[in-house]
Amino acid sequence: MTHSDTLQRAIDGLSSKKHVIHPDISSEVAQKHSSDVKLDAKQSLLLEELNQSVRILTSIFHTSNFDELLLLSARPLRLFVLNFFMGFLRGLGFALGVVIILFMVMTYFFPQILEKFLL
């Protein structure tokens, strides 16, 4: 199960107030409790707006890969190793690009010098 699924379940539970009811309570007591609470139109509208806002936030977190960012910040050694190798490969690519460009310039402007080194 991914972190985004866990986050989605937690937000769904929070928005529907499922976390308030203890799991040991029988279903009859939970039904009695839910039937005692009557919401007027304004409260139900506000609750629906809250649920909609939570759904929007969930979709934003899901598309922004926020859970992966938190995972990286929770394990700093992995972040360090990842950044080290990315920097190493970036530097290697830069050096290779410079060599290729110098080779092209040398073949165009100084072919006689290049012939001495290659023979």
N, C-alpha and C. Protein backbone atom coordinates (compact mmCIF):
# COMPACT_ATOMS: atom_id res chain seq x y z
N MET A 1 0.86 -1.17 0.00
CA MET A 1 0.00 0.00 0.00
C MET A 1 0.91 1.23 0.00
N THR A 2 0.60 2.16 -0.87
CA THR A 2 1.42 3.35 -0.98
C THR A 2 1.04 4.37 0.09
N HIS A 3 1.90 5.34 0.22
CA HIS A 3 1.64 6.38 1.22
C HIS A 3 0.45 7.24 0.83
N SER A 4 0.25 7.42 -0.47
CA SER A 4 -0.89 8.23 -0.90
C SER A 4 -2.21 7.53 -0.59
N ASP A 5 -2.23 6.18 -0.67
CA ASP A 5 -3.45 5.46 -0.30
C ASP A 5 -3.71 5.59 1.19
N THR A 6 -2.66 5.51 1.99
CA THR A 6 -2.81 5.68 3.43
C THR A 6 -3.29 7.08 3.77
N LEU A 7 -2.73 8.06 3.09
CA LEU A 7 -3.15 9.44 3.30
C LEU A 7 -4.60 9.63 2.89
N GLN A 8 -4.98 9.01 1.77
CA GLN A 8 -6.36 9.12 1.30
C GLN A 8 -7.32 8.51 2.32
N ARG A 9 -6.99 7.33 2.84
CA ARG A 9 -7.85 6.69 3.84
C ARG A 9 -7.95 7.53 5.11
N ALA A 10 -6.84 8.11 5.54
CA ALA A 10 -6.86 8.94 6.75
C ALA A 10 -7.72 10.18 6.55
N ILE A 11 -7.61 10.79 5.39
CA ILE A 11 -8.41 11.99 5.13
C ILE A 11 -9.88 11.63 4.99
N ASP A 12 -10.17 10.51 4.34
CA ASP A 12 -11.56 10.07 4.24
C ASP A 12 -12.14 9.78 5.62
N GLY A 13 -11.35 9.14 6.47
CA GLY A 13 -11.81 8.87 7.83
C GLY A 13 -12.00 10.14 8.63
N LEU A 14 -11.12 11.10 8.41
CA LEU A 14 -11.24 12.37 9.12
C LEU A 14 -12.45 13.15 8.65
N SER A 15 -12.69 13.13 7.34
CA SER A 15 -13.80 13.92 6.83
C SER A 15 -15.15 13.31 7.17
N SER A 16 -15.19 12.01 7.35
CA SER A 16 -16.46 11.38 7.69
C SER A 16 -16.59 11.12 9.19
N LYS A 17 -15.63 11.57 9.98
CA LYS A 17 -15.64 11.46 11.44
C LYS A 17 -15.67 10.02 11.91
N LYS A 18 -15.10 9.09 11.15
CA LYS A 18 -15.05 7.69 11.55
C LYS A 18 -14.05 7.47 12.69
N HIS A 19 -13.09 8.35 12.81
CA HIS A 19 -12.07 8.18 13.84
C HIS A 19 -12.61 8.45 15.25
N VAL A 20 -13.78 9.07 15.36
CA VAL A 20 -14.34 9.41 16.66
C VAL A 20 -14.91 8.16 17.34
N ILE A 21 -15.47 7.25 16.57
CA ILE A 21 -16.12 6.06 17.11
C ILE A 21 -15.06 5.00 17.37
N HIS A 22 -14.98 4.53 18.57
CA HIS A 22 -14.03 3.50 18.96
C HIS A 22 -14.47 2.18 18.34
N PRO A 23 -13.54 1.35 17.87
CA PRO A 23 -13.94 0.12 17.19
C PRO A 23 -14.62 -0.90 18.10
N ASP A 24 -14.44 -0.80 19.42
CA ASP A 24 -15.04 -1.77 20.34
C ASP A 24 -16.52 -1.50 20.59
N ILE A 25 -16.98 -0.34 20.21
CA ILE A 25 -18.39 0.00 20.42
C ILE A 25 -19.23 -0.80 19.45
N SER A 26 -20.29 -1.36 19.91
CA SER A 26 -21.14 -2.18 19.03
C SER A 26 -21.82 -1.31 18.00
N SER A 27 -22.26 -1.92 16.92
CA SER A 27 -22.88 -1.16 15.83
C SER A 27 -24.20 -0.54 16.27
N GLU A 28 -24.88 -1.15 17.24
CA GLU A 28 -26.15 -0.58 17.71
C GLU A 28 -25.93 0.76 18.40
N VAL A 29 -24.89 0.85 19.22
CA VAL A 29 -24.60 2.09 19.91
C VAL A 29 -24.18 3.15 18.90
N ALA A 30 -23.42 2.76 17.89
CA ALA A 30 -22.99 3.71 16.86
C ALA A 30 -24.19 4.22 16.06
N GLN A 31 -25.14 3.32 15.76
CA GLN A 31 -26.33 3.76 15.03
C GLN A 31 -27.18 4.69 15.89
N LYS A 32 -27.30 4.37 17.19
CA LYS A 32 -28.08 5.22 18.08
C LYS A 32 -27.44 6.61 18.17
N HIS A 33 -26.11 6.63 18.27
CA HIS A 33 -25.38 7.90 18.36
C HIS A 33 -25.56 8.71 17.09
N SER A 34 -25.48 8.07 15.93
CA SER A 34 -25.61 8.81 14.67
C SER A 34 -27.04 9.29 14.46
N SER A 35 -28.03 8.56 14.98
CA SER A 35 -29.41 9.01 14.81
C SER A 35 -29.75 10.15 15.77
N ASP A 36 -29.02 10.26 16.88
CA ASP A 36 -29.25 11.35 17.82
C ASP A 36 -28.77 12.69 17.27
N VAL A 37 -27.76 12.65 16.44
CA VAL A 37 -27.19 13.87 15.90
C VAL A 37 -27.95 14.25 14.64
N LYS A 38 -28.65 15.34 14.69
CA LYS A 38 -29.38 15.85 13.54
C LYS A 38 -28.72 17.15 13.10
N LEU A 39 -28.39 17.20 11.85
CA LEU A 39 -27.74 18.39 11.32
C LEU A 39 -28.77 19.23 10.58
N ASP A 40 -28.71 20.51 10.82
CA ASP A 40 -29.60 21.36 10.03
C ASP A 40 -28.95 21.61 8.66
N ALA A 41 -29.62 22.32 7.81
CA ALA A 41 -29.17 22.50 6.42
C ALA A 41 -27.84 23.24 6.35
N LYS A 42 -27.66 24.24 7.21
CA LYS A 42 -26.42 25.02 7.18
C LYS A 42 -25.23 24.16 7.60
N GLN A 43 -25.42 23.34 8.65
CA GLN A 43 -24.33 22.49 9.12
C GLN A 43 -23.98 21.43 8.08
N SER A 44 -24.98 20.86 7.46
CA SER A 44 -24.69 19.84 6.44
C SER A 44 -24.01 20.46 5.22
N LEU A 45 -24.37 21.70 4.88
CA LEU A 45 -23.72 22.39 3.78
C LEU A 45 -22.25 22.67 4.11
N LEU A 46 -21.99 23.11 5.34
CA LEU A 46 -20.61 23.36 5.76
C LEU A 46 -19.80 22.07 5.79
N LEU A 47 -20.43 20.98 6.24
CA LEU A 47 -19.74 19.70 6.28
C LEU A 47 -19.43 19.21 4.86
N GLU A 48 -20.33 19.42 3.95
CA GLU A 48 -20.09 19.04 2.55
C GLU A 48 -18.98 19.89 1.94
N GLU A 49 -18.93 21.18 2.26
CA GLU A 49 -17.84 22.04 1.78
C GLU A 49 -16.50 21.58 2.34
N LEU A 50 -16.49 21.18 3.61
CA LEU A 50 -15.26 20.67 4.23
C LEU A 50 -14.81 19.40 3.52
N ASN A 51 -15.75 18.50 3.25
CA ASN A 51 -15.41 17.26 2.55
C ASN A 51 -14.86 17.55 1.16
N GLN A 52 -15.45 18.51 0.47
CA GLN A 52 -14.97 18.88 -0.86
C GLN A 52 -13.56 19.47 -0.78
N SER A 53 -13.31 20.30 0.22
CA SER A 53 -11.97 20.88 0.39
C SER A 53 -10.94 19.80 0.69
N VAL A 54 -11.32 18.83 1.50
CA VAL A 54 -10.41 17.72 1.81
C VAL A 54 -10.13 16.90 0.56
N ARG A 55 -11.12 16.68 -0.26
CA ARG A 55 -10.92 15.94 -1.51
C ARG A 55 -9.98 16.69 -2.44
N ILE A 56 -10.12 18.00 -2.51
CA ILE A 56 -9.25 18.82 -3.36
C ILE A 56 -7.81 18.74 -2.85
N LEU A 57 -7.63 18.86 -1.53
CA LEU A 57 -6.29 18.76 -0.95
C LEU A 57 -5.68 17.39 -1.21
N THR A 58 -6.49 16.35 -1.11
CA THR A 58 -6.00 15.01 -1.37
C THR A 58 -5.52 14.87 -2.81
N SER A 59 -6.28 15.41 -3.74
CA SER A 59 -5.86 15.32 -5.13
C SER A 59 -4.59 16.14 -5.39
N ILE A 60 -4.46 17.27 -4.72
CA ILE A 60 -3.23 18.08 -4.86
C ILE A 60 -2.03 17.33 -4.31
N PHE A 61 -2.18 16.72 -3.13
CA PHE A 61 -1.09 15.94 -2.55
C PHE A 61 -0.73 14.76 -3.44
N HIS A 62 -1.74 14.14 -4.04
CA HIS A 62 -1.49 12.98 -4.89
C HIS A 62 -0.73 13.38 -6.15
N THR A 63 -1.11 14.49 -6.78
CA THR A 63 -0.44 14.90 -8.01
C THR A 63 0.94 15.52 -7.76
N SER A 64 1.17 16.07 -6.59
CA SER A 64 2.46 16.71 -6.32
C SER A 64 3.49 15.76 -5.75
N ASN A 65 3.15 14.50 -5.55
CA ASN A 65 4.07 13.50 -4.98
C ASN A 65 4.64 13.97 -3.64
N PHE A 66 3.78 14.56 -2.85
CA PHE A 66 4.19 15.07 -1.54
C PHE A 66 4.67 13.95 -0.63
N ASP A 67 4.08 12.76 -0.76
CA ASP A 67 4.47 11.64 0.09
C ASP A 67 5.90 11.19 -0.20
N GLU A 68 6.32 11.26 -1.47
CA GLU A 68 7.69 10.90 -1.81
C GLU A 68 8.68 11.92 -1.24
N LEU A 69 8.30 13.18 -1.24
CA LEU A 69 9.15 14.21 -0.65
C LEU A 69 9.32 13.99 0.84
N LEU A 70 8.25 13.64 1.51
CA LEU A 70 8.34 13.34 2.94
C LEU A 70 9.19 12.11 3.19
N LEU A 71 9.08 11.11 2.31
CA LEU A 71 9.89 9.91 2.46
C LEU A 71 11.37 10.23 2.34
N LEU A 72 11.71 11.10 1.38
CA LEU A 72 13.12 11.48 1.22
C LEU A 72 13.63 12.28 2.42
N SER A 73 12.79 13.16 2.95
CA SER A 73 13.25 13.96 4.08
C SER A 73 13.32 13.14 5.36
N ALA A 74 12.59 12.03 5.41
CA ALA A 74 12.64 11.18 6.59
C ALA A 74 13.90 10.32 6.61
N ARG A 75 14.50 10.10 5.43
CA ARG A 75 15.73 9.30 5.35
C ARG A 75 16.84 10.14 4.72
N PRO A 76 17.56 10.92 5.53
CA PRO A 76 18.54 11.85 4.97
C PRO A 76 19.74 11.16 4.32
N LEU A 77 20.11 9.96 4.76
CA LEU A 77 21.24 9.27 4.14
C LEU A 77 20.93 8.91 2.69
N ARG A 78 19.71 8.47 2.44
CA ARG A 78 19.30 8.15 1.07
C ARG A 78 19.30 9.41 0.22
N LEU A 79 18.85 10.52 0.78
CA LEU A 79 18.85 11.78 0.06
C LEU A 79 20.28 12.21 -0.29
N PHE A 80 21.21 12.05 0.66
CA PHE A 80 22.60 12.41 0.43
C PHE A 80 23.21 11.55 -0.68
N VAL A 81 22.99 10.23 -0.63
CA VAL A 81 23.56 9.33 -1.64
C VAL A 81 22.97 9.63 -3.01
N LEU A 82 21.68 9.87 -3.07
CA LEU A 82 21.03 10.19 -4.33
C LEU A 82 21.59 11.47 -4.93
N ASN A 83 21.74 12.51 -4.10
CA ASN A 83 22.28 13.78 -4.58
C ASN A 83 23.74 13.65 -5.00
N PHE A 84 24.50 12.82 -4.28
CA PHE A 84 25.91 12.63 -4.62
C PHE A 84 26.05 12.00 -6.00
N PHE A 85 25.31 10.93 -6.25
CA PHE A 85 25.42 10.27 -7.54
C PHE A 85 24.85 11.12 -8.68
N MET A 86 23.81 11.87 -8.42
CA MET A 86 23.28 12.76 -9.45
C MET A 86 24.30 13.85 -9.80
N GLY A 87 24.97 14.40 -8.80
CA GLY A 87 26.00 15.40 -9.05
C GLY A 87 27.19 14.81 -9.80
N PHE A 88 27.57 13.58 -9.44
CA PHE A 88 28.67 12.90 -10.11
C PHE A 88 28.35 12.68 -11.59
N LEU A 89 27.15 12.20 -11.86
CA LEU A 89 26.76 11.95 -13.26
C LEU A 89 26.61 13.25 -14.04
N ARG A 90 26.16 14.30 -13.38
CA ARG A 90 26.05 15.60 -14.05
C ARG A 90 27.45 16.13 -14.42
N GLY A 91 28.41 15.98 -13.52
CA GLY A 91 29.78 16.41 -13.79
C GLY A 91 30.43 15.57 -14.88
N LEU A 92 30.13 14.28 -14.88
CA LEU A 92 30.66 13.40 -15.91
C LEU A 92 30.10 13.77 -17.28
N GLY A 93 28.84 14.10 -17.34
CA GLY A 93 28.24 14.53 -18.60
C GLY A 93 28.82 15.84 -19.09
N PHE A 94 29.08 16.75 -18.16
CA PHE A 94 29.69 18.03 -18.53
C PHE A 94 31.09 17.81 -19.11
N ALA A 95 31.88 16.96 -18.47
CA ALA A 95 33.25 16.69 -18.94
C ALA A 95 33.22 16.03 -20.31
N LEU A 96 32.32 15.10 -20.51
CA LEU A 96 32.21 14.43 -21.80
C LEU A 96 31.80 15.43 -22.89
N GLY A 97 30.89 16.32 -22.58
CA GLY A 97 30.48 17.34 -23.54
C GLY A 97 31.62 18.27 -23.91
N VAL A 98 32.42 18.66 -22.93
CA VAL A 98 33.57 19.54 -23.21
C VAL A 98 34.58 18.83 -24.10
N VAL A 99 34.84 17.56 -23.86
CA VAL A 99 35.79 16.81 -24.68
C VAL A 99 35.30 16.71 -26.12
N ILE A 100 34.01 16.43 -26.29
CA ILE A 100 33.46 16.32 -27.65
C ILE A 100 33.54 17.65 -28.38
N ILE A 101 33.20 18.73 -27.72
CA ILE A 101 33.26 20.06 -28.36
C ILE A 101 34.70 20.44 -28.69
N LEU A 102 35.65 20.16 -27.79
CA LEU A 102 37.07 20.44 -28.08
C LEU A 102 37.57 19.61 -29.26
N PHE A 103 37.14 18.37 -29.33
CA PHE A 103 37.53 17.51 -30.46
C PHE A 103 37.01 18.08 -31.78
N MET A 104 35.77 18.54 -31.78
CA MET A 104 35.19 19.12 -32.99
C MET A 104 35.91 20.40 -33.39
N VAL A 105 36.25 21.25 -32.43
CA VAL A 105 36.97 22.50 -32.72
C VAL A 105 38.36 22.19 -33.25
N MET A 106 39.00 21.20 -32.64
CA MET A 106 40.36 20.84 -33.08
C MET A 106 40.35 20.27 -34.49
N THR A 107 39.35 19.46 -34.83
CA THR A 107 39.31 18.88 -36.18
C THR A 107 39.04 19.95 -37.23
N TYR A 108 38.32 20.98 -36.89
CA TYR A 108 37.99 22.02 -37.86
C TYR A 108 39.11 23.05 -38.03
N PHE A 109 39.65 23.53 -36.89
CA PHE A 109 40.64 24.62 -36.95
C PHE A 109 42.09 24.12 -36.99
N PHE A 110 42.39 23.04 -36.32
CA PHE A 110 43.78 22.56 -36.23
C PHE A 110 43.88 21.08 -36.59
N PRO A 111 43.63 20.72 -37.81
CA PRO A 111 43.67 19.29 -38.17
C PRO A 111 45.08 18.70 -38.13
N GLN A 112 46.11 19.53 -38.37
CA GLN A 112 47.48 19.03 -38.35
C GLN A 112 47.91 18.64 -36.93
N ILE A 113 47.47 19.36 -35.92
CA ILE A 113 47.81 19.02 -34.53
C ILE A 113 47.11 17.73 -34.13
N LEU A 114 45.90 17.57 -34.55
CA LEU A 114 45.11 16.38 -34.23
C LEU A 114 45.71 15.15 -34.90
N GLU A 115 46.26 15.29 -36.13
CA GLU A 115 46.88 14.16 -36.82
C GLU A 115 48.11 13.67 -36.07
N LYS A 116 48.88 14.57 -35.45
CA LYS A 116 50.06 14.18 -34.68
C LYS A 116 49.68 13.36 -33.47
N PHE A 117 48.57 13.71 -32.81
CA PHE A 117 48.16 13.00 -31.60
C PHE A 117 47.51 11.66 -31.93
N LEU A 118 46.85 11.56 -33.04
CA LEU A 118 46.16 10.31 -33.38
C LEU A 118 47.05 9.30 -34.09
N LEU A 119 48.16 9.73 -34.67
CA LEU A 119 49.07 8.80 -35.34
C LEU A 119 50.03 8.26 -34.39
